[in-house]
N, C-alpha and C. Protein backbone atom coordinates (compact mmCIF):
# COMPACT_ATOMS: atom_id res chain seq x y z
N MET A 1 0.85 -1.18 0.00
CA MET A 1 0.00 0.00 0.00
C MET A 1 0.89 1.24 0.00
N LEU A 2 0.50 2.19 -0.80
CA LEU A 2 1.17 3.48 -0.84
C LEU A 2 0.19 4.48 -0.22
N ASP A 3 0.55 5.09 0.90
CA ASP A 3 -0.33 5.97 1.67
C ASP A 3 0.17 7.41 1.58
N ILE A 4 -0.57 8.26 0.87
CA ILE A 4 -0.22 9.68 0.74
C ILE A 4 -0.85 10.40 1.93
N GLN A 5 -0.02 10.91 2.86
CA GLN A 5 -0.54 11.52 4.07
C GLN A 5 -0.53 13.04 4.04
N GLN A 6 0.32 13.62 3.20
CA GLN A 6 0.32 15.08 3.04
C GLN A 6 1.07 15.44 1.78
N GLY A 7 0.83 16.62 1.28
CA GLY A 7 1.52 17.08 0.09
C GLY A 7 1.00 16.42 -1.17
N THR A 8 1.82 16.45 -2.23
CA THR A 8 1.43 15.95 -3.54
C THR A 8 2.37 14.83 -3.98
N PHE A 9 1.79 13.72 -4.39
CA PHE A 9 2.54 12.61 -4.96
C PHE A 9 2.27 12.67 -6.46
N SER A 10 3.31 12.87 -7.27
CA SER A 10 3.13 13.05 -8.71
C SER A 10 3.59 11.83 -9.49
N LEU A 11 2.81 11.46 -10.49
CA LEU A 11 3.18 10.43 -11.46
C LEU A 11 3.24 11.14 -12.81
N GLN A 12 4.39 11.06 -13.46
CA GLN A 12 4.57 11.83 -14.69
C GLN A 12 5.14 11.00 -15.82
N ASN A 13 4.78 11.38 -17.02
CA ASN A 13 5.32 10.92 -18.29
C ASN A 13 5.53 9.41 -18.38
N ASN A 14 6.74 8.91 -18.19
CA ASN A 14 7.06 7.51 -18.43
C ASN A 14 6.85 6.60 -17.23
N THR A 15 6.08 7.03 -16.26
CA THR A 15 5.81 6.19 -15.10
C THR A 15 5.02 4.97 -15.54
N GLY A 16 5.50 3.80 -15.12
CA GLY A 16 4.79 2.56 -15.43
C GLY A 16 3.88 2.21 -14.28
N GLN A 17 3.91 0.97 -13.85
CA GLN A 17 3.09 0.52 -12.75
C GLN A 17 3.71 0.88 -11.41
N LEU A 18 2.88 0.89 -10.39
CA LEU A 18 3.31 1.12 -9.01
C LEU A 18 3.17 -0.18 -8.23
N GLY A 19 3.98 -1.16 -8.56
CA GLY A 19 3.95 -2.43 -7.85
C GLY A 19 2.73 -3.27 -8.16
N ASP A 20 2.28 -4.04 -7.20
CA ASP A 20 1.17 -4.98 -7.34
C ASP A 20 -0.14 -4.24 -7.64
N PRO A 21 -0.80 -4.56 -8.76
CA PRO A 21 -2.07 -3.89 -9.08
C PRO A 21 -3.15 -4.09 -8.02
N ALA A 22 -3.06 -5.17 -7.23
CA ALA A 22 -4.05 -5.40 -6.18
C ALA A 22 -3.77 -4.55 -4.94
N GLY A 23 -2.57 -3.98 -4.84
CA GLY A 23 -2.24 -3.12 -3.71
C GLY A 23 -2.97 -1.79 -3.82
N ARG A 24 -3.13 -1.11 -2.70
CA ARG A 24 -3.89 0.14 -2.69
C ARG A 24 -2.99 1.36 -2.82
N LEU A 25 -3.54 2.38 -3.44
CA LEU A 25 -2.98 3.72 -3.46
C LEU A 25 -3.97 4.55 -2.65
N LEU A 26 -3.58 4.94 -1.45
CA LEU A 26 -4.48 5.58 -0.51
C LEU A 26 -4.15 7.06 -0.38
N CYS A 27 -5.14 7.89 -0.60
CA CYS A 27 -5.00 9.34 -0.43
C CYS A 27 -6.03 9.71 0.63
N ALA A 28 -5.59 9.71 1.89
CA ALA A 28 -6.56 9.76 2.98
C ALA A 28 -6.43 10.96 3.90
N ALA A 29 -5.62 11.90 3.57
CA ALA A 29 -5.46 13.06 4.45
C ALA A 29 -6.01 14.31 3.77
N THR A 30 -6.52 15.22 4.58
CA THR A 30 -6.98 16.49 4.05
C THR A 30 -5.84 17.17 3.33
N ARG A 31 -6.09 17.60 2.11
CA ARG A 31 -5.13 18.29 1.24
C ARG A 31 -4.03 17.38 0.68
N ALA A 32 -4.13 16.08 0.88
CA ALA A 32 -3.21 15.16 0.21
C ALA A 32 -3.66 15.02 -1.23
N CYS A 33 -2.71 14.93 -2.16
CA CYS A 33 -3.06 14.95 -3.57
C CYS A 33 -2.23 13.94 -4.37
N ILE A 34 -2.89 13.26 -5.30
CA ILE A 34 -2.21 12.43 -6.29
C ILE A 34 -2.34 13.18 -7.59
N SER A 35 -1.21 13.55 -8.18
CA SER A 35 -1.20 14.35 -9.40
C SER A 35 -0.68 13.51 -10.57
N LEU A 36 -1.46 13.42 -11.64
CA LEU A 36 -1.08 12.68 -12.84
C LEU A 36 -0.74 13.65 -13.95
N THR A 37 0.34 13.37 -14.69
CA THR A 37 0.72 14.21 -15.83
C THR A 37 1.15 13.30 -16.98
N SER A 38 0.28 13.12 -17.94
CA SER A 38 0.58 12.37 -19.16
C SER A 38 1.26 11.03 -18.89
N ILE A 39 0.72 10.23 -17.96
CA ILE A 39 1.37 8.94 -17.71
C ILE A 39 1.21 8.06 -18.95
N CYS A 40 2.27 7.35 -19.30
CA CYS A 40 2.33 6.64 -20.59
C CYS A 40 1.50 5.37 -20.63
N SER A 41 1.26 4.74 -19.50
CA SER A 41 0.45 3.52 -19.51
C SER A 41 -0.72 3.71 -18.55
N ARG A 42 -1.72 2.88 -18.72
CA ARG A 42 -2.87 2.96 -17.83
C ARG A 42 -2.47 2.49 -16.44
N LEU A 43 -2.82 3.24 -15.43
CA LEU A 43 -2.47 2.91 -14.05
C LEU A 43 -3.48 1.89 -13.52
N ASN A 44 -3.01 0.66 -13.33
CA ASN A 44 -3.87 -0.41 -12.82
C ASN A 44 -3.61 -0.53 -11.33
N LYS A 45 -4.38 0.20 -10.54
CA LYS A 45 -4.17 0.27 -9.10
C LYS A 45 -5.50 0.53 -8.41
N VAL A 46 -5.72 -0.07 -7.26
CA VAL A 46 -6.88 0.24 -6.43
C VAL A 46 -6.63 1.60 -5.80
N VAL A 47 -7.52 2.57 -6.04
CA VAL A 47 -7.34 3.92 -5.52
C VAL A 47 -8.43 4.21 -4.50
N ASN A 48 -8.03 4.57 -3.28
CA ASN A 48 -8.97 4.96 -2.23
C ASN A 48 -8.74 6.43 -1.89
N ILE A 49 -9.82 7.21 -1.91
CA ILE A 49 -9.73 8.63 -1.60
C ILE A 49 -10.64 8.90 -0.40
N LEU A 50 -10.06 9.44 0.67
CA LEU A 50 -10.81 9.72 1.89
C LEU A 50 -10.45 11.10 2.42
N ASN A 51 -11.28 11.63 3.31
CA ASN A 51 -10.97 12.86 4.04
C ASN A 51 -10.53 14.01 3.14
N SER A 52 -11.23 14.23 2.07
CA SER A 52 -10.97 15.34 1.15
C SER A 52 -9.67 15.19 0.37
N GLY A 53 -9.17 13.97 0.23
CA GLY A 53 -8.02 13.74 -0.65
C GLY A 53 -8.41 14.08 -2.09
N ILE A 54 -7.41 14.34 -2.94
CA ILE A 54 -7.67 14.79 -4.31
C ILE A 54 -6.83 13.99 -5.30
N VAL A 55 -7.43 13.63 -6.44
CA VAL A 55 -6.70 13.10 -7.58
C VAL A 55 -6.92 14.09 -8.72
N THR A 56 -5.83 14.56 -9.30
CA THR A 56 -5.95 15.54 -10.38
C THR A 56 -5.09 15.13 -11.56
N ASN A 57 -5.53 15.46 -12.76
CA ASN A 57 -4.75 15.23 -13.98
C ASN A 57 -4.29 16.61 -14.46
N GLU A 58 -3.00 16.86 -14.36
CA GLU A 58 -2.46 18.18 -14.67
C GLU A 58 -2.44 18.48 -16.17
N SER A 59 -2.09 17.49 -16.98
CA SER A 59 -2.08 17.71 -18.43
C SER A 59 -1.98 16.38 -19.16
N GLY A 60 -2.29 16.41 -20.44
CA GLY A 60 -2.20 15.20 -21.26
C GLY A 60 -3.26 14.19 -20.90
N SER A 61 -3.03 12.97 -21.34
CA SER A 61 -3.98 11.89 -21.13
C SER A 61 -3.43 10.94 -20.07
N SER A 62 -4.20 10.72 -19.02
CA SER A 62 -3.83 9.78 -17.96
C SER A 62 -5.06 8.96 -17.63
N MET A 63 -4.87 7.65 -17.40
CA MET A 63 -6.02 6.79 -17.15
C MET A 63 -5.75 5.86 -15.98
N ILE A 64 -6.72 5.79 -15.06
CA ILE A 64 -6.68 4.83 -13.96
C ILE A 64 -7.69 3.75 -14.31
N ILE A 65 -7.24 2.50 -14.41
CA ILE A 65 -8.17 1.41 -14.77
C ILE A 65 -8.48 0.51 -13.58
N GLY A 66 -7.83 0.74 -12.45
CA GLY A 66 -8.11 -0.06 -11.26
C GLY A 66 -9.39 0.43 -10.60
N ARG A 67 -9.84 -0.31 -9.60
CA ARG A 67 -11.06 0.07 -8.87
C ARG A 67 -10.80 1.34 -8.07
N SER A 68 -11.88 2.06 -7.81
CA SER A 68 -11.81 3.25 -6.98
C SER A 68 -12.89 3.11 -5.92
N ALA A 69 -12.51 3.27 -4.66
CA ALA A 69 -13.48 3.13 -3.58
C ALA A 69 -13.35 4.29 -2.61
N SER A 70 -14.45 5.04 -2.47
CA SER A 70 -14.46 6.18 -1.57
C SER A 70 -15.88 6.39 -1.07
N PRO A 71 -16.06 6.75 0.20
CA PRO A 71 -17.40 7.03 0.70
C PRO A 71 -18.01 8.21 -0.05
N ALA A 72 -19.32 8.25 -0.11
CA ALA A 72 -20.02 9.35 -0.79
C ALA A 72 -19.55 10.69 -0.23
N GLY A 73 -19.29 11.63 -1.11
CA GLY A 73 -18.87 12.97 -0.69
C GLY A 73 -17.41 13.09 -0.35
N GLN A 74 -16.63 12.00 -0.46
CA GLN A 74 -15.23 12.03 -0.08
C GLN A 74 -14.28 12.07 -1.26
N ARG A 75 -14.79 11.99 -2.48
CA ARG A 75 -13.95 11.86 -3.66
C ARG A 75 -13.86 13.19 -4.41
N SER A 76 -12.66 13.57 -4.79
CA SER A 76 -12.47 14.74 -5.62
C SER A 76 -11.48 14.40 -6.71
N MET A 77 -11.96 14.40 -7.95
CA MET A 77 -11.09 14.13 -9.10
C MET A 77 -11.28 15.28 -10.07
N SER A 78 -10.18 15.77 -10.64
CA SER A 78 -10.31 16.90 -11.54
C SER A 78 -9.38 16.79 -12.72
N GLN A 79 -9.72 17.48 -13.78
CA GLN A 79 -8.91 17.57 -15.01
C GLN A 79 -8.59 19.03 -15.21
N GLU A 80 -7.30 19.36 -15.24
CA GLU A 80 -6.91 20.74 -15.51
C GLU A 80 -7.20 21.08 -16.96
N LEU A 81 -7.80 22.21 -17.20
CA LEU A 81 -8.08 22.66 -18.55
C LEU A 81 -6.91 23.48 -19.07
N PRO A 82 -6.57 23.32 -20.36
CA PRO A 82 -5.45 24.09 -20.90
C PRO A 82 -5.77 25.58 -20.89
N SER A 83 -4.77 26.39 -20.62
CA SER A 83 -5.00 27.84 -20.64
C SER A 83 -5.01 28.31 -22.09
N SER A 84 -5.82 29.34 -22.35
CA SER A 84 -5.95 29.81 -23.72
C SER A 84 -5.04 30.99 -24.01
């Protein structure tokens, strides 16, 4: 399990897998963030978002294909829009 407790954990460009696909990626602290930027392969990981944790895609195409489990009202996922 990878537990993001504060700050931002970034996955960028040529990042492949993060270990065992059955393992969890946990973003469970207020203001903890998982940031994706054009990851080259689909991220096959169980993602849990709790306590106002955030998953954001900063740019490019990034895809999470693993399960996502979060209580109602606890999930925040966003896509940054390109500036004009």
